[in-house]
Protein backbone atom coordinates (compact mmCIF):
# COMPACT_ATOMS: atom_id res chain seq x y z
CA MET A 1 -2.77 -18.32 -7.39
CA SER A 2 -4.76 -15.12 -7.68
CA LYS A 3 -8.39 -14.36 -6.95
CA LEU A 4 -9.08 -14.49 -10.70
CA ASP A 5 -7.61 -18.00 -10.85
CA ILE A 6 -9.95 -19.08 -8.05
CA ILE A 7 -12.94 -17.51 -9.82
CA ASN A 8 -12.06 -19.31 -13.07
CA GLU A 9 -11.66 -22.61 -11.21
CA VAL A 10 -15.04 -22.23 -9.48
CA ALA A 11 -16.70 -21.34 -12.80
CA ASN A 12 -15.13 -24.32 -14.59
CA LYS A 13 -15.92 -26.85 -11.83
CA THR A 14 -19.51 -25.73 -11.21
CA GLY A 15 -20.58 -24.63 -14.68
CA ILE A 16 -21.81 -21.25 -13.45
CA THR A 17 -20.84 -17.99 -15.13
CA LYS A 18 -17.65 -16.20 -14.17
CA THR A 19 -19.74 -13.30 -12.90
CA LYS A 20 -21.63 -15.51 -10.47
CA ALA A 21 -18.43 -17.32 -9.51
CA GLY A 22 -16.81 -13.94 -8.84
CA ILE A 23 -19.69 -12.94 -6.58
CA ALA A 24 -19.42 -16.26 -4.71
CA VAL A 25 -15.66 -15.99 -4.21
CA GLU A 26 -15.90 -12.33 -3.16
CA THR A 27 -18.67 -13.21 -0.68
CA VAL A 28 -16.54 -15.93 0.91
CA LEU A 29 -13.50 -13.66 1.15
CA GLU A 30 -15.53 -10.79 2.61
CA SER A 31 -16.99 -13.16 5.21
CA LEU A 32 -13.49 -14.27 6.19
CA LYS A 33 -12.27 -10.67 6.43
CA ARG A 34 -15.27 -9.64 8.51
CA ALA A 35 -14.81 -12.57 10.90
CA LEU A 36 -11.11 -11.79 11.36
CA ALA A 37 -11.88 -8.11 11.86
CA HIS A 38 -14.21 -9.08 14.73
CA GLY A 39 -11.47 -11.22 16.28
CA GLU A 40 -13.11 -14.55 15.41
CA HIS A 41 -11.17 -17.75 14.84
CA VAL A 42 -11.36 -18.93 11.19
CA GLU A 43 -10.51 -22.54 10.41
CA LEU A 44 -10.64 -24.04 6.90
CA ARG A 45 -10.09 -27.74 7.56
CA GLY A 46 -7.29 -29.17 5.46
CA LEU A 47 -6.18 -25.71 4.33
CA SER A 48 -5.45 -23.15 7.00
CA VAL A 49 -6.26 -21.69 10.39
CA HIS A 50 -6.45 -17.93 10.89
CA ASN A 51 -6.86 -15.82 13.97
CA VAL A 52 -5.89 -12.33 14.95
CA ARG A 53 -3.68 -11.92 17.98
CA PRO A 54 -2.65 -8.66 19.53
CA ARG A 55 0.99 -7.83 18.96
CA ARG A 56 3.28 -6.76 21.71
CA VAL A 57 4.02 -3.09 21.74
CA ARG A 58 7.51 -2.31 20.58
CA ALA A 59 9.41 0.80 21.43
CA GLY A 60 10.12 2.88 18.37
CA SER A 61 13.50 4.34 17.78
CA THR A 62 13.62 8.04 17.29
CA LEU A 63 16.66 9.51 15.70
CA PRO A 64 18.13 12.62 17.26
CA ALA A 65 17.58 15.81 15.32
CA MET A 66 20.42 16.68 13.01
CA PRO A 67 22.37 19.70 14.19
CA LYS A 68 22.34 22.74 11.96
CA LEU A 69 25.60 22.97 10.13
CA PRO A 70 27.08 26.35 9.43
CA TYR A 71 26.83 26.98 5.70
CA LYS A 72 27.93 30.03 3.86
CA SER A 73 27.07 30.36 0.21
CA ASN A 74 29.46 31.92 -2.24
CA LEU A 75 26.44 33.55 -3.86
CA ASN A 76 24.44 36.16 -2.10
CA GLN A 77 20.71 35.56 -1.68
CA GLU A 78 19.63 37.76 -4.59
CA LYS A 79 21.98 36.06 -7.05
CA LEU A 80 20.79 32.69 -5.82
CA ARG A 81 17.11 33.65 -6.31
CA ARG A 82 17.81 34.88 -9.84
CA ALA A 83 19.70 31.69 -10.71
CA VAL A 84 16.85 29.51 -9.45
CA ALA A 85 14.29 31.62 -11.35
CA GLU A 86 16.32 31.28 -14.56
CA VAL A 87 16.53 27.50 -14.22
CA ALA A 88 12.78 27.28 -13.54
CA ALA A 89 12.00 29.49 -16.56
CA GLU A 90 14.24 27.39 -18.79
CA GLU A 91 12.56 24.17 -17.65
CA SER A 92 9.17 25.74 -18.22
CA ARG A 93 10.14 26.68 -21.79
CA ARG A 94 11.39 23.14 -22.47
CA ALA A 95 8.14 21.64 -21.18
CA ASN A 96 6.07 23.75 -23.57
């Protein structure tokens, strides 16, 4: 069920406009969010209980840095730059 479904249900049950029902539903949800943000306990009898609890701190895993691998190109740097420039120019022409 989405927020829109709740708004439609409120509008149908109460006979108010969807705009006013939307304002009412949004007000209720904002109140719930604000209460939870302030660490308050929220209990909707027969539906749900919400409260915010601090989580335990977990140690993150950091991966070791990858070692630099020796790499030798068959192309020299100037040939490589020209090849990249040609590909970029060709893609630019295709885009236009």
